[in-house]
C-alpha atoms as a PDB file:
ATOM      1  CA  MET A   1      11.833 -43.066 -11.177  1.00  0.00           C
ATOM      2  CA  LYS A   2      15.058 -42.286 -13.082  1.00  0.00           C
ATOM      3  CA  LYS A   3      14.643 -45.386 -15.233  1.00  0.00           C
ATOM      4  CA  PHE A   4      11.123 -44.314 -16.164  1.00  0.00           C
ATOM      5  CA  ILE A   5      12.295 -40.829 -17.211  1.00  0.00           C
ATOM      6  CA  ILE A   6      15.113 -42.322 -19.286  1.00  0.00           C
ATOM      7  CA  PHE A   7      12.618 -44.696 -20.889  1.00  0.00           C
ATOM      8  CA  LEU A   8      10.317 -41.784 -21.801  1.00  0.00           C
ATOM      9  CA  LEU A   9      13.240 -39.823 -23.252  1.00  0.00           C
ATOM     10  CA  CYS A  10      14.250 -42.808 -25.384  1.00  0.00           C
ATOM     11  CA  ILE A  11      10.706 -43.299 -26.659  1.00  0.00           C
ATOM     12  CA  THR A  12      10.463 -39.578 -27.489  1.00  0.00           C
ATOM     13  CA  ALA A  13      13.813 -39.593 -29.309  1.00  0.00           C
ATOM     14  CA  LEU A  14      12.838 -42.690 -31.275  1.00  0.00           C
ATOM     15  CA  THR A  15       9.516 -41.116 -32.251  1.00  0.00           C
ATOM     16  CA  ILE A  16      11.295 -37.979 -33.504  1.00  0.00           C
ATOM     17  CA  VAL A  17      13.782 -40.017 -35.538  1.00  0.00           C
ATOM     18  CA  ILE A  18      11.052 -42.108 -37.161  1.00  0.00           C
ATOM     19  CA  PHE A  19       8.917 -39.049 -37.924  1.00  0.00           C
ATOM     20  CA  THR A  20      11.883 -37.231 -39.488  1.00  0.00           C
ATOM     21  CA  TYR A  21      12.776 -40.263 -41.592  1.00  0.00           C
ATOM     22  CA  LEU A  22       9.242 -40.706 -42.886  1.00  0.00           C
ATOM     23  CA  THR A  23       8.775 -37.040 -43.804  1.00  0.00           C
ATOM     24  CA  THR A  24      12.115 -36.538 -45.610  1.00  0.00           C
ATOM     25  CA  ARG A  25      12.333 -39.647 -47.760  1.00  0.00           C
ATOM     26  CA  GLY A  26      11.879 -37.876 -51.064  1.00  0.00           C
ATOM     27  CA  TYR A  27       9.182 -36.962 -53.477  1.00  0.00           C
ATOM     28  CA  SER A  28       6.513 -39.396 -54.510  1.00  0.00           C
ATOM     29  CA  GLY A  29       3.889 -37.170 -56.035  1.00  0.00           C
ATOM     30  CA  GLU A  30       2.670 -37.057 -59.581  1.00  0.00           C
ATOM     31  CA  TYR A  31       4.552 -34.629 -61.820  1.00  0.00           C
ATOM     32  CA  VAL A  32       2.746 -31.352 -62.545  1.00  0.00           C
ATOM     33  CA  GLN A  33       3.611 -28.591 -64.984  1.00  0.00           C
ATOM     34  CA  LEU A  34       5.455 -25.645 -63.471  1.00  0.00           C
ATOM     35  CA  ILE A  35       6.663 -23.677 -66.498  1.00  0.00           C
ATOM     36  CA  GLY A  36       5.941 -23.999 -70.150  1.00  0.00           C
ATOM     37  CA  ASN A  37       3.754 -22.911 -73.019  1.00  0.00           C
ATOM     38  CA  ASN A  38       4.930 -19.346 -73.773  1.00  0.00           C
ATOM     39  CA  ASN A  39       7.352 -19.009 -70.821  1.00  0.00           C
ATOM     40  CA  PRO A  40      11.014 -19.897 -71.448  1.00  0.00           C
ATOM     41  CA  ILE A  41      12.831 -22.356 -69.181  1.00  0.00           C
ATOM     42  CA  TYR A  42      16.070 -20.673 -68.144  1.00  0.00           C
ATOM     43  CA  PRO A  43      19.191 -22.775 -67.352  1.00  0.00           C
ATOM     44  CA  GLU A  44      19.635 -20.817 -64.116  1.00  0.00           C
ATOM     45  CA  TYR A  45      16.276 -22.084 -62.943  1.00  0.00           C
ATOM     46  CA  LEU A  46      17.241 -25.689 -63.619  1.00  0.00           C
ATOM     47  CA  GLU A  47      20.496 -25.149 -61.698  1.00  0.00           C
ATOM     48  CA  LEU A  48      18.486 -23.949 -58.670  1.00  0.00           C
ATOM     49  CA  LEU A  49      16.370 -27.091 -58.807  1.00  0.00           C
ATOM     50  CA  GLU A  50      19.491 -29.277 -58.968  1.00  0.00           C
ATOM     51  CA  GLU A  51      21.190 -27.409 -56.096  1.00  0.00           C
ATOM     52  CA  ASN A  52      18.128 -28.010 -53.923  1.00  0.00           C
ATOM     53  CA  ASN A  53      17.824 -31.694 -54.921  1.00  0.00           C
ATOM     54  CA  ILE A  54      14.431 -31.232 -56.516  1.00  0.00           C
ATOM     55  CA  PRO A  55      13.742 -33.682 -59.351  1.00  0.00           C
ATOM     56  CA  TYR A  56      12.342 -32.301 -62.572  1.00  0.00           C
ATOM     57  CA  LYS A  57      11.478 -33.329 -66.104  1.00  0.00           C
ATOM     58  CA  VAL A  58      11.540 -31.242 -69.260  1.00  0.00           C
ATOM     59  CA  LYS A  59       9.177 -32.477 -71.939  1.00  0.00           C
ATOM     60  CA  ASN A  60       7.926 -30.590 -75.001  1.00  0.00           C
ATOM     61  CA  LYS A  61       9.436 -27.306 -73.721  1.00  0.00           C
ATOM     62  CA  LYS A  62       7.528 -27.654 -70.435  1.00  0.00           C
ATOM     63  CA  LEU A  63       9.013 -28.066 -66.962  1.00  0.00           C
ATOM     64  CA  TYR A  64       7.443 -30.634 -64.635  1.00  0.00           C
ATOM     65  CA  ILE A  65       8.102 -31.159 -60.910  1.00  0.00           C
ATOM     66  CA  PRO A  66       6.600 -33.564 -58.353  1.00  0.00           C
ATOM     67  CA  GLU A  67       3.442 -32.067 -56.915  1.00  0.00           C
ATOM     68  CA  ASP A  68       4.665 -32.654 -53.356  1.00  0.00           C
ATOM     69  CA  ALA A  69       7.785 -30.560 -54.128  1.00  0.00           C
ATOM     70  CA  PHE A  70       5.780 -27.524 -55.214  1.00  0.00           C
ATOM     71  CA  ASP A  71       6.117 -25.626 -51.906  1.00  0.00           C
ATOM     72  CA  LYS A  72       9.864 -26.248 -51.775  1.00  0.00           C
ATOM     73  CA  VAL A  73      10.251 -24.975 -55.344  1.00  0.00           C
ATOM     74  CA  ILE A  74       8.397 -21.782 -54.512  1.00  0.00           C
ATOM     75  CA  TYR A  75      10.503 -21.309 -51.386  1.00  0.00           C
ATOM     76  CA  CYS A  76      13.904 -21.913 -52.964  1.00  0.00           C
ATOM     77  CA  CYS A  77      13.425 -20.539 -56.445  1.00  0.00           C
ATOM     78  CA  SER A  78      11.308 -17.417 -56.095  1.00  0.00           C
END
């Protein structure tokens, strides 16, 4: 009985590790525009993105982020 419980605990721990690895690998989404047109891109905002390890691109005075990082950007930078 003890061996079975230990086996279940190991399977559960392994499942948690694999799930965590797969969900925190990075951003793979297409880049979408966050700021631009008539809104200025402040250096402080770019520093916040860098501190939170969020990739970004600035092109033609527009700021782009991966679409799957959008929620994290709102959370950390608002």
